[in-house]
Amino acid sequence: MTEPVHVIGMGLGPTDLTAFHLALIDRASVLVGGKRHLSYFEDTTAVKKEISSPVSEVLDFIEARMADGLLVVLASGDPLFFGIGKTLIARLGPDKVIIHPNVTTMAAAFARLKLPWQDAAWVSLHGRDNMSALATAMNDRDLVCVLTDPENDPWIIKKQVDTHDYAWRMWVLENLGASEEKISSMDEHADPDQVFAQPNVVVLQKGERAAPSGPLRLGTPDNRFVHEKGLITKAPVRVLSLAALELASDNILWDLGAGSGSVGIEASLFLPDGFVYAVEKNQRRVEQIKANAERFNVKNISVILAELPDGLANLPAPDRVFIGGSGKNLGRVLDMAATVLKPLGRIVVNTVLLETLHLAVSVLEAKGFGVSLTQAQVSTSRNMPWGRRMEALNPVWIIAGEKRKD
């Protein structure tokens, strides 16, 4: 019976191999790997095959030589992390392949920089046109690790960094695990003639604060608010939501599940004689609301840390209510808000979930509200190194309910 192919992740190099890995390599009849990996085992008696283009020929060789004895494939890092493991499983079948994982380039890069990376995004530009994935990762995450190649090198990535709305720290890690390993930081003073050794990997860390703020206005750009991983009512939807609220200058507005506070803070523009009560259950986001209020010098806002509907009983009766988030408690929150809302007051709910849409409409209509619906489907431009592309935002339902006179 033909023995399965063993695919061994090299980690950063031979020192990351265990005694078990080394025993497999020593017993191999056929050894397949990149030129650098094979050079570590020149003394073995195995037949050696270098992985080169086209990969289909290497796969043909592996399939033909499996019957010759133990066949071992040496792979970079972890074979199933942007490695050859997936390709071999697809070609030979899962029963014919055994994967031996090891340290990934991503794990090693963050270890070198002493950065926790459980929330990081990984983007591979190695042999692929994937700049749109990099742009998306930079918009959504605070940490990004990028696998490069000679064409998609650190300078290409820096062009993307330089056109982004946030300030980023950028590191290039060359030859990880080798004696010539080098780590450098790229900033505005980087030598434009610098050439980086291959292989290298880039790590990006988003600045703690958003880009310098401009004045508060209708449709204030998202990047002028401090917010968490894109958790903000996007500017076009914010404009539509504020229009649906039909604010009067002296209104009391409840901003419930306030997140970064962008809706309530922008609503303050229309409330010179009114007031905003922002209720949010997450302490970090409460601090973000306060930071945004300070940034835009908004004085007519109070921030309450509470899980809805807690925190509402002691607030002044509202003229307007905006609900951007309340989770599983939406029904109770709507019931309380609708009960204390002043006559002819308005409640606006934003949601991307059909279940929430149904619940909000059902509760409001049951309480005698006149209800109207708007679905917003917006695409915004994203800068690319050579131009712009359009990126669709999640469709959002804007549910507006008006309380009839008693």
Protein backbone atom coordinates (compact mmCIF):
# COMPACT_ATOMS: atom_id res chain seq x y z
CA MET A 1 0.00 0.00 0.00
CA THR A 2 1.36 3.42 -0.99
CA GLU A 3 2.38 5.53 2.01
CA PRO A 4 0.85 9.04 2.22
CA VAL A 5 2.95 12.03 1.28
CA HIS A 6 4.27 13.82 4.37
CA VAL A 7 4.32 17.62 4.04
CA ILE A 8 6.58 19.17 6.66
CA GLY A 9 6.43 22.85 7.54
CA MET A 10 9.95 24.16 8.00
CA GLY A 11 8.92 27.07 10.21
CA LEU A 12 11.66 29.66 9.86
CA GLY A 13 14.33 27.05 9.19
CA PRO A 14 15.87 23.72 10.26
CA THR A 15 16.12 24.75 13.92
CA ASP A 16 12.29 24.72 14.06
CA LEU A 17 12.14 21.05 13.06
CA THR A 18 11.48 18.43 15.73
CA ALA A 19 13.26 15.10 16.08
CA PHE A 20 10.18 13.46 14.56
CA HIS A 21 10.37 15.75 11.49
CA LEU A 22 14.08 15.04 11.06
CA ALA A 23 13.51 11.29 11.32
CA LEU A 24 10.93 11.46 8.52
CA ILE A 25 13.30 13.44 6.32
CA ASP A 26 16.16 11.00 7.05
CA ARG A 27 13.91 8.03 6.10
CA ALA A 28 12.57 9.64 2.91
CA SER A 29 13.19 7.98 -0.44
CA VAL A 30 12.14 11.13 -2.28
CA LEU A 31 12.56 14.69 -0.95
CA VAL A 32 10.77 17.60 -2.61
CA GLY A 33 11.21 21.25 -1.68
CA GLY A 34 12.44 24.68 -2.62
CA LYS A 35 16.10 25.15 -3.45
CA ARG A 36 16.88 26.70 -0.07
CA HIS A 37 15.08 23.96 1.85
CA LEU A 38 16.80 21.15 -0.06
CA SER A 39 20.19 22.74 0.61
CA TYR A 40 19.78 21.97 4.31
CA PHE A 41 19.73 18.23 3.56
CA GLU A 42 22.43 17.72 0.96
CA ASP A 43 23.80 14.67 2.79
CA THR A 44 20.59 12.66 2.58
CA THR A 45 20.45 9.81 0.04
CA ALA A 46 16.89 10.64 -1.07
CA VAL A 47 16.12 11.53 -4.65
CA LYS A 48 15.63 15.29 -4.65
CA LYS A 49 13.21 17.38 -6.68
CA GLU A 50 13.19 21.17 -6.56
CA ILE A 51 9.83 22.95 -6.54
CA SER A 52 9.77 25.33 -9.50
CA SER A 53 7.34 26.59 -12.13
CA PRO A 54 5.15 25.20 -13.44
CA VAL A 55 3.94 23.62 -10.21
CA SER A 56 1.85 21.17 -12.23
CA GLU A 57 5.05 19.38 -13.26
CA VAL A 58 6.09 19.06 -9.61
CA LEU A 59 2.68 17.58 -8.79
CA ASP A 60 3.04 15.10 -11.65
CA PHE A 61 6.44 14.09 -10.28
CA ILE A 62 5.10 13.60 -6.74
CA GLU A 63 2.15 11.52 -7.92
CA ALA A 64 4.43 9.34 -10.07
CA ARG A 65 7.01 8.76 -7.32
CA MET A 66 4.71 8.04 -4.37
CA ALA A 67 5.13 4.29 -4.93
CA ASP A 68 8.93 4.53 -4.61
CA GLY A 69 8.84 4.77 -0.82
CA LEU A 70 8.35 7.57 1.68
CA LEU A 71 7.95 10.91 -0.11
CA VAL A 72 8.46 14.07 1.95
CA VAL A 73 7.66 17.60 0.80
CA LEU A 74 9.38 20.50 2.57
CA ALA A 75 7.25 23.65 2.78
CA SER A 76 7.75 27.13 4.15
CA GLY A 77 6.17 27.99 7.51
CA ASP A 78 2.92 26.06 7.86
CA PRO A 79 1.98 24.11 4.68
CA LEU A 80 -1.71 25.04 5.06
CA PHE A 81 -1.07 28.76 5.54
CA PHE A 82 -0.78 30.04 1.96
CA GLY A 83 1.39 26.99 1.30
CA ILE A 84 1.54 23.95 -0.93
CA GLY A 85 -0.54 21.83 1.45
CA LYS A 86 -3.87 22.89 -0.06
CA THR A 87 -2.67 22.15 -3.61
CA LEU A 88 -1.38 18.70 -2.69
CA ILE A 89 -4.60 17.75 -0.89
CA ALA A 90 -6.66 18.85 -3.90
CA ARG A 91 -4.47 16.80 -6.25
CA LEU A 92 -3.87 13.64 -4.21
CA GLY A 93 -6.87 13.60 -1.88
CA PRO A 94 -6.92 14.14 1.89
CA ASP A 95 -6.22 10.47 2.67
CA LYS A 96 -2.96 10.60 0.75
CA VAL A 97 -1.46 13.63 2.50
CA ILE A 98 -0.26 14.14 6.07
CA ILE A 99 0.42 17.74 7.12
CA HIS A 100 3.01 18.63 9.79
CA PRO A 101 2.40 22.30 10.73
CA ASN A 102 5.06 24.65 12.00
CA VAL A 103 5.59 28.32 12.84
CA THR A 104 4.02 30.63 10.23
CA THR A 105 5.71 33.72 8.87
CA MET A 106 2.88 35.75 10.38
CA ALA A 107 3.39 34.35 13.87
CA ALA A 108 7.15 34.87 13.62
CA ALA A 109 6.81 38.45 12.39
CA PHE A 110 4.56 39.49 15.26
CA ALA A 111 6.79 37.64 17.74
CA ARG A 112 9.77 39.66 16.53
CA LEU A 113 7.81 42.91 16.97
CA LYS A 114 6.32 41.83 20.35
CA LEU A 115 2.79 42.54 19.09
CA PRO A 116 -0.24 40.39 20.05
CA TRP A 117 -1.77 39.33 16.75
CA GLN A 118 -5.04 37.51 17.48
CA ASP A 119 -6.98 40.32 15.76
CA ALA A 120 -4.58 40.84 12.85
CA ALA A 121 -5.46 40.38 9.19
CA TRP A 122 -3.25 38.50 6.75
CA VAL A 123 -2.97 39.46 3.08
CA SER A 124 -0.88 37.62 0.51
CA LEU A 125 0.48 39.58 -2.47
CA HIS A 126 2.82 36.72 -3.32
CA GLY A 127 2.25 35.90 -6.98
CA ARG A 128 -1.18 37.52 -7.05
CA ASP A 129 -2.93 40.84 -7.69
CA ASN A 130 -4.57 41.31 -4.32
CA MET A 131 -4.33 45.03 -3.57
CA SER A 132 -8.09 45.28 -3.06
CA ALA A 133 -7.79 42.76 -0.20
CA LEU A 134 -5.04 44.90 1.33
CA ALA A 135 -7.20 48.02 1.09
CA THR A 136 -10.11 46.22 2.77
CA ALA A 137 -7.87 44.86 5.55
CA MET A 138 -6.47 48.32 6.24
CA ASN A 139 -9.98 49.76 6.49
CA ASP A 140 -11.24 47.03 8.82
CA ARG A 141 -8.26 46.10 11.03
CA ASP A 142 -5.65 47.76 13.23
CA LEU A 143 -2.93 45.20 12.44
CA VAL A 144 -2.14 43.78 9.01
CA CYS A 145 0.56 41.35 7.91
CA VAL A 146 1.43 41.28 4.20
CA LEU A 147 3.32 38.57 2.32
CA THR A 148 5.26 40.15 -0.54
CA ASP A 149 7.07 39.10 -3.69
CA PRO A 150 9.67 40.87 -5.90
CA GLU A 151 6.96 42.76 -7.84
CA ASN A 152 4.64 43.49 -4.90
CA ASP A 153 7.44 44.71 -2.69
CA PRO A 154 7.36 46.97 0.42
CA TRP A 155 7.46 50.09 -1.74
CA ILE A 156 4.19 49.10 -3.43
CA ILE A 157 2.65 48.61 0.00
CA LYS A 158 3.96 51.98 1.17
CA LYS A 159 2.09 53.69 -1.68
CA GLN A 160 -1.11 52.18 -0.30
CA VAL A 161 -0.17 53.29 3.22
CA ASP A 162 0.55 56.84 2.08
CA THR A 163 -2.88 57.21 0.45
CA HIS A 164 -4.84 55.82 3.40
CA ASP A 165 -6.88 57.96 5.75
CA TYR A 166 -5.02 56.79 8.85
CA ALA A 167 -1.41 57.07 9.92
CA TRP A 168 0.34 53.66 9.98
CA ARG A 169 3.56 52.26 11.38
CA MET A 170 5.23 50.01 8.84
CA TRP A 171 7.92 47.39 9.38
CA VAL A 172 9.75 45.23 6.85
CA LEU A 173 11.13 41.92 8.13
CA GLU A 174 13.67 40.36 5.79
CA ASN A 175 14.98 36.76 5.84
CA LEU A 176 13.18 35.78 9.04
CA GLY A 177 15.04 33.00 10.83
CA ALA A 178 18.22 33.32 8.75
CA SER A 179 21.57 34.69 9.91
CA GLU A 180 21.00 37.75 7.69
CA GLU A 181 17.60 38.50 9.27
CA LYS A 182 16.85 42.23 9.32
CA ILE A 183 13.98 44.32 10.66
CA SER A 184 13.52 47.93 9.56
CA SER A 185 10.87 50.60 9.97
CA MET A 186 9.61 52.57 6.97
CA ASP A 187 8.48 56.15 7.36
CA GLU A 188 8.66 59.40 5.40
CA HIS A 189 12.46 59.37 5.83
CA ALA A 190 12.93 55.93 4.22
CA ASP A 191 15.64 55.79 1.55
CA PRO A 192 13.78 55.60 -1.78
CA ASP A 193 16.66 53.60 -3.29
CA GLN A 194 16.53 50.89 -0.61
CA VAL A 195 16.17 47.36 -1.96
CA PHE A 196 14.72 44.69 0.32
CA ALA A 197 15.96 41.11 0.37
CA GLN A 198 13.59 38.29 -0.48
CA PRO A 199 11.79 36.74 1.24
CA ASN A 200 10.35 39.57 3.30
CA VAL A 201 7.10 40.30 5.06
CA VAL A 202 5.47 43.63 5.97
CA VAL A 203 3.59 44.42 9.19
CA LEU A 204 1.31 47.45 9.43
CA GLN A 205 -0.05 48.94 12.65
CA LYS A 206 -2.76 51.58 12.50
CA GLY A 207 -2.25 54.74 14.53
CA GLU A 208 -4.28 55.03 17.72
CA ARG A 209 -6.02 58.19 16.61
CA ALA A 210 -7.87 58.97 13.41
CA ALA A 211 -6.59 61.44 10.88
CA PRO A 212 -6.57 65.13 11.92
CA SER A 213 -10.11 66.33 12.41
CA GLY A 214 -11.93 68.92 10.35
CA PRO A 215 -15.07 70.74 11.44
CA LEU A 216 -18.22 68.84 12.35
CA ARG A 217 -20.71 68.97 9.50
CA LEU A 218 -23.49 66.94 7.94
CA GLY A 219 -21.87 63.78 6.61
CA THR A 220 -18.63 64.23 8.54
CA PRO A 221 -16.12 61.71 7.09
CA ASP A 222 -15.89 58.51 9.14
CA ASN A 223 -12.13 58.86 9.62
CA ARG A 224 -12.62 62.02 11.67
CA PHE A 225 -14.35 60.03 14.40
CA VAL A 226 -12.51 57.78 16.80
CA HIS A 227 -14.16 54.41 16.33
CA GLU A 228 -13.53 50.72 16.67
CA LYS A 229 -12.76 48.57 13.61
CA GLY A 230 -15.29 50.21 11.35
CA LEU A 231 -18.11 50.06 13.95
CA ILE A 232 -19.63 53.36 12.96
CA THR A 233 -22.76 54.48 11.13
CA LYS A 234 -21.19 55.34 7.77
CA ALA A 235 -21.49 58.95 6.63
CA PRO A 236 -24.03 58.41 3.79
CA VAL A 237 -26.30 56.31 6.04
CA ARG A 238 -25.83 58.81 8.86
CA VAL A 239 -27.13 61.61 6.63
CA LEU A 240 -30.22 59.58 5.70
CA SER A 241 -30.84 58.65 9.33
CA LEU A 242 -30.63 62.26 10.50
CA ALA A 243 -33.05 63.25 7.75
CA ALA A 244 -35.45 60.51 8.91
CA LEU A 245 -35.30 61.88 12.48
CA GLU A 246 -36.63 65.30 11.30
CA LEU A 247 -34.92 67.07 14.18
CA ALA A 248 -36.19 70.36 15.60
CA SER A 249 -33.82 72.80 17.29
CA ASP A 250 -35.06 72.14 20.84
CA ASN A 251 -35.47 68.34 20.63
CA ILE A 252 -34.30 65.84 23.23
CA LEU A 253 -32.60 62.99 21.31
CA TRP A 254 -31.82 59.56 22.67
CA ASP A 255 -28.95 57.89 20.78
CA LEU A 256 -29.24 54.26 21.86
CA GLY A 257 -26.49 51.70 21.27
CA ALA A 258 -24.49 54.78 20.38
CA GLY A 259 -21.21 53.05 19.41
CA SER A 260 -18.79 55.84 18.52
CA GLY A 261 -21.52 58.44 18.99
CA SER A 262 -21.32 59.67 15.40
CA VAL A 263 -25.10 60.02 14.93
CA GLY A 264 -25.75 61.83 18.21
CA ILE A 265 -22.72 64.08 17.82
CA GLU A 266 -23.64 65.05 14.26
CA ALA A 267 -27.26 65.54 15.35
CA SER A 268 -26.05 68.22 17.76
CA LEU A 269 -25.58 70.48 14.74
CA PHE A 270 -29.38 70.66 14.50
CA LEU A 271 -30.02 70.97 18.25
CA PRO A 272 -28.74 74.39 19.37
CA ASP A 273 -31.41 74.43 22.07
CA GLY A 274 -31.74 70.67 22.46
CA PHE A 275 -29.74 67.86 24.03
CA VAL A 276 -28.40 64.39 23.19
CA TYR A 277 -28.33 61.43 25.57
CA ALA A 278 -26.00 58.72 24.23
CA VAL A 279 -26.37 55.28 25.85
CA GLU A 280 -23.72 52.61 25.22
CA LYS A 281 -22.91 49.38 27.08
CA ASN A 282 -19.24 49.07 26.05
CA GLN A 283 -16.82 51.04 28.24
CA ARG A 284 -14.27 51.46 25.45
CA ARG A 285 -16.90 52.90 23.13
CA VAL A 286 -18.15 55.21 25.87
CA GLU A 287 -14.63 56.63 25.98
CA GLN A 288 -14.69 56.98 22.20
CA ILE A 289 -17.96 58.94 22.36
CA LYS A 290 -16.45 61.26 24.94
CA ALA A 291 -13.29 61.67 22.84
CA ASN A 292 -15.37 62.51 19.76
CA ALA A 293 -17.51 64.99 21.68
CA GLU A 294 -14.35 66.70 22.91
CA ARG A 295 -12.79 66.61 19.45
CA PHE A 296 -15.76 68.43 17.91
CA ASN A 297 -16.41 70.62 20.95
CA VAL A 298 -19.93 69.27 21.41
CA LYS A 299 -21.29 70.38 24.79
CA ASN A 300 -24.96 69.38 24.58
CA ILE A 301 -24.40 65.64 25.00
CA SER A 302 -24.40 63.29 27.98
CA VAL A 303 -22.93 59.78 27.75
CA ILE A 304 -24.42 56.96 29.84
CA LEU A 305 -22.74 53.58 30.34
CA ALA A 306 -25.59 51.03 30.49
CA GLU A 307 -26.93 47.92 28.79
CA LEU A 308 -30.27 48.77 27.24
CA PRO A 309 -32.99 49.18 28.32
CA ASP A 310 -31.20 49.94 31.62
CA GLY A 311 -30.26 53.59 31.89
CA LEU A 312 -33.39 54.93 30.22
CA ALA A 313 -35.75 55.27 33.16
CA ASN A 314 -34.12 58.41 34.54
CA LEU A 315 -33.70 60.25 31.24
CA PRO A 316 -35.95 63.13 30.18
CA ALA A 317 -38.72 62.06 27.80
CA PRO A 318 -37.40 62.21 24.23
CA ASP A 319 -38.71 63.96 21.16
CA ARG A 320 -36.57 61.74 18.95
CA VAL A 321 -34.95 58.33 19.39
CA PHE A 322 -32.23 56.80 17.24
CA ILE A 323 -31.41 53.11 17.74
CA GLY A 324 -28.20 51.98 16.11
CA GLY A 325 -27.76 48.90 18.26
CA SER A 326 -29.52 47.11 21.09
CA GLY A 327 -29.02 43.44 20.23
CA LYS A 328 -31.45 40.91 21.62
CA ASN A 329 -33.15 43.57 23.77
CA LEU A 330 -34.54 45.58 20.84
CA GLY A 331 -38.15 44.67 21.58
CA ARG A 332 -37.92 45.87 25.19
CA VAL A 333 -36.00 48.99 24.17
CA LEU A 334 -38.59 49.91 21.54
CA ASP A 335 -41.43 49.27 23.96
CA MET A 336 -39.95 51.62 26.58
CA ALA A 337 -38.92 54.29 24.08
CA ALA A 338 -42.29 54.28 22.33
CA THR A 339 -44.12 54.56 25.66
CA VAL A 340 -42.26 57.66 26.89
CA LEU A 341 -41.79 59.31 23.48
CA LYS A 342 -43.60 62.61 23.17
CA PRO A 343 -46.61 62.86 20.83
CA LEU A 344 -45.57 63.27 17.17
CA GLY A 345 -42.10 62.13 18.19
CA ARG A 346 -40.04 59.93 15.88
CA ILE A 347 -38.05 56.73 16.35
CA VAL A 348 -35.47 55.70 13.75
CA VAL A 349 -33.89 52.25 13.79
CA ASN A 350 -30.94 51.18 11.63
CA THR A 351 -30.30 47.50 10.94
CA VAL A 352 -28.65 45.15 8.47
CA LEU A 353 -30.67 42.15 9.74
CA LEU A 354 -34.01 41.09 8.29
CA GLU A 355 -35.03 39.73 11.69
CA THR A 356 -34.48 43.12 13.30
CA LEU A 357 -36.36 44.80 10.46
CA HIS A 358 -39.37 42.58 11.04
CA LEU A 359 -39.27 43.04 14.83
CA ALA A 360 -38.95 46.84 14.68
CA VAL A 361 -41.79 47.24 12.20
CA SER A 362 -44.02 44.84 14.15
CA VAL A 363 -43.49 46.61 17.50
CA LEU A 364 -43.92 50.12 16.10
CA GLU A 365 -47.07 49.26 14.15
CA ALA A 366 -48.53 47.44 17.15
CA LYS A 367 -48.11 50.66 19.10
CA GLY A 368 -49.93 52.67 16.46
CA PHE A 369 -46.91 54.33 14.87
CA GLY A 370 -46.88 55.34 11.24
CA VAL A 371 -43.93 53.45 9.76
CA SER A 372 -41.84 54.06 6.65
CA LEU A 373 -38.84 52.10 5.37
CA THR A 374 -35.74 53.06 3.41
CA GLN A 375 -33.08 50.67 2.22
CA ALA A 376 -29.70 52.30 1.65
CA GLN A 377 -27.22 50.55 -0.65
CA VAL A 378 -24.09 52.67 -0.95
CA SER A 379 -20.76 52.14 -2.67
CA THR A 380 -17.76 54.32 -1.85
CA SER A 381 -14.47 54.80 -3.66
CA ARG A 382 -11.22 53.26 -2.38
CA ASN A 383 -7.81 54.48 -3.46
CA MET A 384 -5.62 51.93 -5.19
CA PRO A 385 -1.96 52.38 -6.17
CA TRP A 386 -3.02 53.01 -9.78
CA GLY A 387 -6.51 54.49 -9.41
CA ARG A 388 -9.81 54.01 -7.60
CA ARG A 389 -12.32 51.23 -7.23
CA MET A 390 -15.83 51.15 -5.77
CA GLU A 391 -16.54 49.13 -2.63
CA ALA A 392 -20.10 48.30 -1.59
CA LEU A 393 -21.14 48.86 2.02
CA ASN A 394 -23.62 46.54 3.71
CA PRO A 395 -27.22 47.37 2.73
CA VAL A 396 -28.89 49.11 5.68
CA TRP A 397 -32.58 49.32 6.53
CA ILE A 398 -33.66 52.66 7.98
CA ILE A 399 -36.97 52.20 9.82
CA ALA A 400 -38.74 55.43 10.74
CA GLY A 401 -41.77 55.48 13.02
CA GLU A 402 -43.86 58.51 14.00
CA LYS A 403 -45.99 58.52 17.14
CA ARG A 404 -49.51 59.71 16.54
CA LYS A 405 -51.21 62.20 18.83
CA ASP A 406 -52.79 60.72 21.97
